Amino acid sequence: MAGNCRCLLAACSLIFAAPILLCGQDAVADRPSARIPVLAPKPPPLSYSVPIAPVWISRSPNLPLRYPGNPRASDFRQLVFRQLVRTAGIIFSGRVVSIGHSASSSSADPTSTAVTFQVEHAFRGTSPGQNLTIHEWDGPWTSGEPYRVGERVLLFLYSPSRLGLTSPVAGAMGKFAMDSQGQIVMTAQHVAAFAGDPILGGKTVVSYADLALAVRRSIREE
């Protein structure tokens, strides 16, 4: 009887101990120390380039301070009057003596207007005291008379074409009116174009001596 009780107690103890043993195994398996570690891949070693020391370049005293291919606006305006002089084949000042119209000898040639000047001062292509007659295409006269008999002007004219026609260089830019005192009256177009000129810049009325100086200066620089 006693032996049977002992066997029964042993069986009961095994029944109650089994869950505890199983829990203990699960706990051990869940512990971090019991897991297989997963290793992350090692990043490649960082490479560093050899530092480059800065190089200081000193400017030569012979180099220009400004790139010559990119002139300032004032430099460009200085070139306008020089270009006007360089392009003109006839430059003079004088008084308008007569104005007439001449028919063309050929239907293919345009009709022209003949204007005669008494030359007072000559710079190129004519002589002082000469009666110079020029022929202009009638086109500009359709919008009004460019000249009036008796007026005094300073003209920069193109060299005559094969048909004998000429006109002021760059249109109105090549014609300057003169007042009763013999001074050059500058238009708004002239004032804007010659703003950077050392002699003519900023003036609405220029003495004849100053403009003649500007013309001779530009001729020397050609």
Protein backbone atom coordinates (compact mmCIF):
# COMPACT_ATOMS: atom_id res chain seq x y z
CA MET A 1 0.00 0.00 0.00
CA ALA A 2 2.78 2.38 0.88
CA GLY A 3 4.57 1.51 -2.34
CA ASN A 4 1.53 2.36 -4.40
CA CYS A 5 1.25 5.75 -2.71
CA ARG A 6 4.85 6.53 -3.49
CA CYS A 7 4.35 5.64 -7.16
CA LEU A 8 1.23 7.82 -7.29
CA LEU A 9 3.07 10.77 -5.75
CA ALA A 10 5.95 10.36 -8.22
CA ALA A 11 3.57 10.34 -11.15
CA CYS A 12 1.77 13.45 -9.91
CA SER A 13 5.04 15.26 -9.40
CA LEU A 14 6.08 14.50 -12.98
CA ILE A 15 2.73 15.76 -14.30
CA PHE A 16 3.12 19.14 -12.48
CA ALA A 17 6.84 19.47 -13.26
CA ALA A 18 6.54 18.94 -17.04
CA PRO A 19 5.00 22.39 -17.85
CA ILE A 20 7.59 24.14 -15.70
CA LEU A 21 10.44 22.39 -17.51
CA LEU A 22 8.91 23.20 -20.90
CA CYS A 23 8.52 26.89 -19.93
CA GLY A 24 12.08 26.99 -18.82
CA GLN A 25 13.26 25.71 -22.20
CA ASP A 26 11.17 28.32 -24.05
CA ALA A 27 12.54 31.10 -21.87
CA VAL A 28 16.06 30.00 -22.52
CA ALA A 29 15.43 29.88 -26.25
CA ASP A 30 13.91 33.41 -26.21
CA ARG A 31 16.89 34.92 -24.40
CA PRO A 32 19.14 37.03 -26.67
CA SER A 33 22.17 35.07 -25.65
CA ALA A 34 20.59 31.93 -26.99
CA ARG A 35 19.84 33.36 -30.48
CA ILE A 36 22.21 33.16 -33.46
CA PRO A 37 23.55 36.66 -34.05
CA VAL A 38 23.04 38.26 -37.49
CA LEU A 39 26.08 40.29 -38.52
CA ALA A 40 25.58 43.41 -40.73
CA PRO A 41 27.97 43.74 -43.71
CA LYS A 42 31.00 45.86 -42.98
CA PRO A 43 30.98 49.17 -44.91
CA PRO A 44 33.87 49.73 -47.29
CA PRO A 45 36.68 51.82 -45.88
CA LEU A 46 36.43 55.54 -46.67
CA SER A 47 39.04 56.88 -49.06
CA TYR A 48 40.33 60.43 -48.76
CA SER A 49 42.01 62.24 -51.65
CA VAL A 50 45.22 64.03 -50.99
CA PRO A 51 44.42 67.72 -50.32
CA ILE A 52 45.60 70.13 -53.03
CA ALA A 53 47.24 73.30 -51.85
CA PRO A 54 45.78 76.50 -53.41
CA VAL A 55 47.82 78.17 -56.12
CA TRP A 56 47.95 81.95 -56.13
CA ILE A 57 48.45 83.60 -59.55
CA SER A 58 49.66 87.16 -59.49
CA ARG A 59 48.46 89.53 -62.23
CA SER A 60 51.14 90.79 -64.52
CA PRO A 61 51.43 94.60 -64.54
CA ASN A 62 51.33 94.47 -68.35
CA LEU A 63 47.86 92.94 -68.52
CA PRO A 64 44.95 95.34 -69.20
CA LEU A 65 42.50 95.95 -66.39
CA ARG A 66 39.55 95.46 -68.77
CA TYR A 67 39.03 92.91 -71.50
CA PRO A 68 39.41 94.82 -74.79
CA GLY A 69 36.65 92.85 -76.53
CA ASN A 70 34.02 94.13 -74.10
CA PRO A 71 34.20 97.93 -74.21
CA ARG A 72 32.20 100.14 -71.91
CA ALA A 73 29.19 102.03 -73.22
CA SER A 74 31.11 105.32 -73.03
CA ASP A 75 33.95 103.80 -75.10
CA PHE A 76 31.42 102.68 -77.71
CA ARG A 77 29.92 106.16 -77.91
CA GLN A 78 33.36 107.61 -78.52
CA LEU A 79 33.58 105.40 -81.61
CA VAL A 80 30.29 106.65 -83.11
CA PHE A 81 31.63 110.01 -84.26
CA ARG A 82 34.87 108.44 -85.50
CA GLN A 83 32.86 105.95 -87.55
CA LEU A 84 30.76 108.80 -88.94
CA VAL A 85 33.91 110.57 -90.13
CA ARG A 86 35.51 107.36 -91.42
CA THR A 87 32.45 106.42 -93.50
CA ALA A 88 31.96 109.83 -95.11
CA GLY A 89 33.53 110.48 -98.51
CA ILE A 90 32.58 114.19 -98.47
CA ILE A 91 32.68 116.42 -95.37
CA PHE A 92 32.05 120.16 -95.50
CA SER A 93 30.03 123.03 -94.12
CA GLY A 94 28.24 125.54 -96.34
CA ARG A 95 25.10 127.33 -97.40
CA VAL A 96 22.32 125.90 -99.58
CA VAL A 97 22.21 127.90 -102.83
CA SER A 98 19.60 126.10 -104.90
CA ILE A 99 17.38 123.03 -105.01
CA GLY A 100 16.11 121.42 -108.22
CA HIS A 101 14.79 118.14 -109.52
CA SER A 102 16.37 116.19 -112.32
CA ALA A 103 14.72 113.42 -114.34
CA SER A 104 16.62 110.22 -114.89
CA SER A 105 17.90 109.40 -118.37
CA SER A 106 16.93 105.77 -117.83
CA SER A 107 13.64 104.36 -116.61
CA ALA A 108 15.62 101.91 -114.49
CA ASP A 109 17.38 104.72 -112.58
CA PRO A 110 15.57 106.66 -109.84
CA THR A 111 14.85 110.35 -110.19
CA SER A 112 16.94 112.60 -107.98
CA THR A 113 17.01 116.02 -106.40
CA ALA A 114 19.95 118.29 -107.11
CA VAL A 115 21.14 120.46 -104.22
CA THR A 116 23.88 123.04 -104.70
CA PHE A 117 25.96 124.33 -101.78
CA GLN A 118 28.47 127.11 -101.51
CA VAL A 119 31.25 125.41 -99.55
CA GLU A 120 32.60 127.49 -96.64
CA HIS A 121 34.82 124.98 -94.83
CA ALA A 122 36.01 121.74 -96.39
CA PHE A 123 37.40 118.68 -94.63
CA ARG A 124 37.21 115.97 -97.30
CA GLY A 125 36.14 115.54 -100.92
CA THR A 126 35.68 119.23 -101.82
CA SER A 127 37.34 122.65 -101.55
CA PRO A 128 36.47 125.94 -99.77
CA GLY A 129 34.60 128.41 -102.01
CA GLN A 130 33.43 125.69 -104.40
CA ASN A 131 29.82 125.45 -105.58
CA LEU A 132 29.19 121.78 -104.93
CA THR A 133 26.11 120.11 -106.42
CA ILE A 134 25.00 116.77 -105.02
CA HIS A 135 22.25 114.46 -106.25
CA GLU A 136 20.03 112.70 -103.75
CA TRP A 137 17.45 110.02 -104.46
CA ASP A 138 13.94 111.49 -104.23
CA GLY A 139 12.91 109.04 -101.49
CA PRO A 140 13.83 111.26 -98.51
CA TRP A 141 12.05 114.23 -100.08
CA THR A 142 8.67 112.52 -100.00
CA SER A 143 8.48 113.09 -96.22
CA GLY A 144 9.54 116.74 -96.41
CA GLU A 145 12.39 118.87 -97.69
CA PRO A 146 15.70 117.91 -96.06
CA TYR A 147 17.20 121.28 -97.09
CA ARG A 148 16.01 124.86 -97.43
CA VAL A 149 17.60 127.51 -99.61
CA GLY A 150 19.72 129.83 -97.49
CA GLU A 151 20.25 127.46 -94.54
CA ARG A 152 23.74 126.57 -93.36
CA VAL A 153 24.63 122.97 -92.65
CA LEU A 154 27.57 120.71 -91.86
CA LEU A 155 27.31 117.50 -93.88
CA PHE A 156 28.90 114.07 -93.77
CA LEU A 157 28.01 112.50 -97.14
CA TYR A 158 28.61 109.06 -98.59
CA SER A 159 30.87 108.90 -101.62
CA PRO A 160 28.69 109.14 -104.77
CA SER A 161 27.41 105.84 -106.13
CA ARG A 162 27.86 104.68 -109.73
CA LEU A 163 24.63 106.58 -110.50
CA GLY A 164 26.11 109.73 -108.95
CA LEU A 165 23.75 109.68 -105.96
CA THR A 166 24.73 110.44 -102.38
CA SER A 167 23.08 111.16 -99.02
CA PRO A 168 24.07 111.97 -95.43
CA VAL A 169 25.81 109.12 -93.60
CA ALA A 170 23.32 107.23 -91.40
CA GLY A 171 20.51 109.53 -92.45
CA ALA A 172 19.87 112.33 -89.98
CA MET A 173 23.09 111.51 -88.11
CA GLY A 174 25.15 112.89 -90.99
CA LYS A 175 23.48 116.31 -91.10
CA PHE A 176 24.10 119.13 -88.58
CA ALA A 177 22.23 122.44 -88.67
CA MET A 178 24.07 125.73 -88.00
CA ASP A 179 22.52 128.75 -86.31
CA SER A 180 23.02 132.41 -87.20
CA GLN A 181 26.11 132.53 -84.97
CA GLY A 182 27.74 129.69 -86.89
CA GLN A 183 27.35 127.23 -84.02
CA ILE A 184 26.40 123.59 -84.52
CA VAL A 185 22.94 122.73 -83.22
CA MET A 186 22.81 119.13 -81.97
CA THR A 187 19.61 117.12 -82.27
CA ALA A 188 18.46 114.75 -79.51
CA GLN A 189 19.79 111.88 -81.63
CA HIS A 190 23.22 113.51 -81.83
CA VAL A 191 23.33 114.20 -78.09
CA ALA A 192 22.52 110.57 -77.27
CA ALA A 193 24.96 109.13 -79.83
CA PHE A 194 27.91 111.35 -78.90
CA ALA A 195 27.42 111.26 -75.12
CA GLY A 196 30.80 109.60 -74.57
CA ASP A 197 32.79 111.82 -76.92
CA PRO A 198 35.40 113.90 -75.03
CA ILE A 199 34.68 116.99 -77.14
CA LEU A 200 31.01 116.73 -78.11
CA GLY A 201 29.58 114.77 -75.19
CA GLY A 202 26.69 116.33 -73.26
CA LYS A 203 26.40 119.44 -75.46
CA THR A 204 23.29 120.60 -77.29
CA VAL A 205 25.11 123.47 -78.99
CA VAL A 206 28.73 123.08 -80.08
CA SER A 207 31.04 125.80 -81.35
CA TYR A 208 32.22 125.27 -84.91
CA ALA A 209 35.81 125.21 -83.68
CA ASP A 210 35.07 122.32 -81.30
CA LEU A 211 33.34 120.23 -83.94
CA ALA A 212 36.07 120.94 -86.48
CA LEU A 213 38.58 119.77 -83.85
CA ALA A 214 36.60 116.55 -83.38
CA VAL A 215 36.55 115.97 -87.15
CA ARG A 216 40.28 116.53 -87.56
CA ARG A 217 41.02 114.32 -84.55
CA SER A 218 38.99 111.49 -86.04
CA ILE A 219 40.68 111.90 -89.44
CA ARG A 220 44.12 111.64 -87.80
CA GLU A 221 43.07 108.45 -86.00
CA GLU A 222 42.00 106.67 -89.19
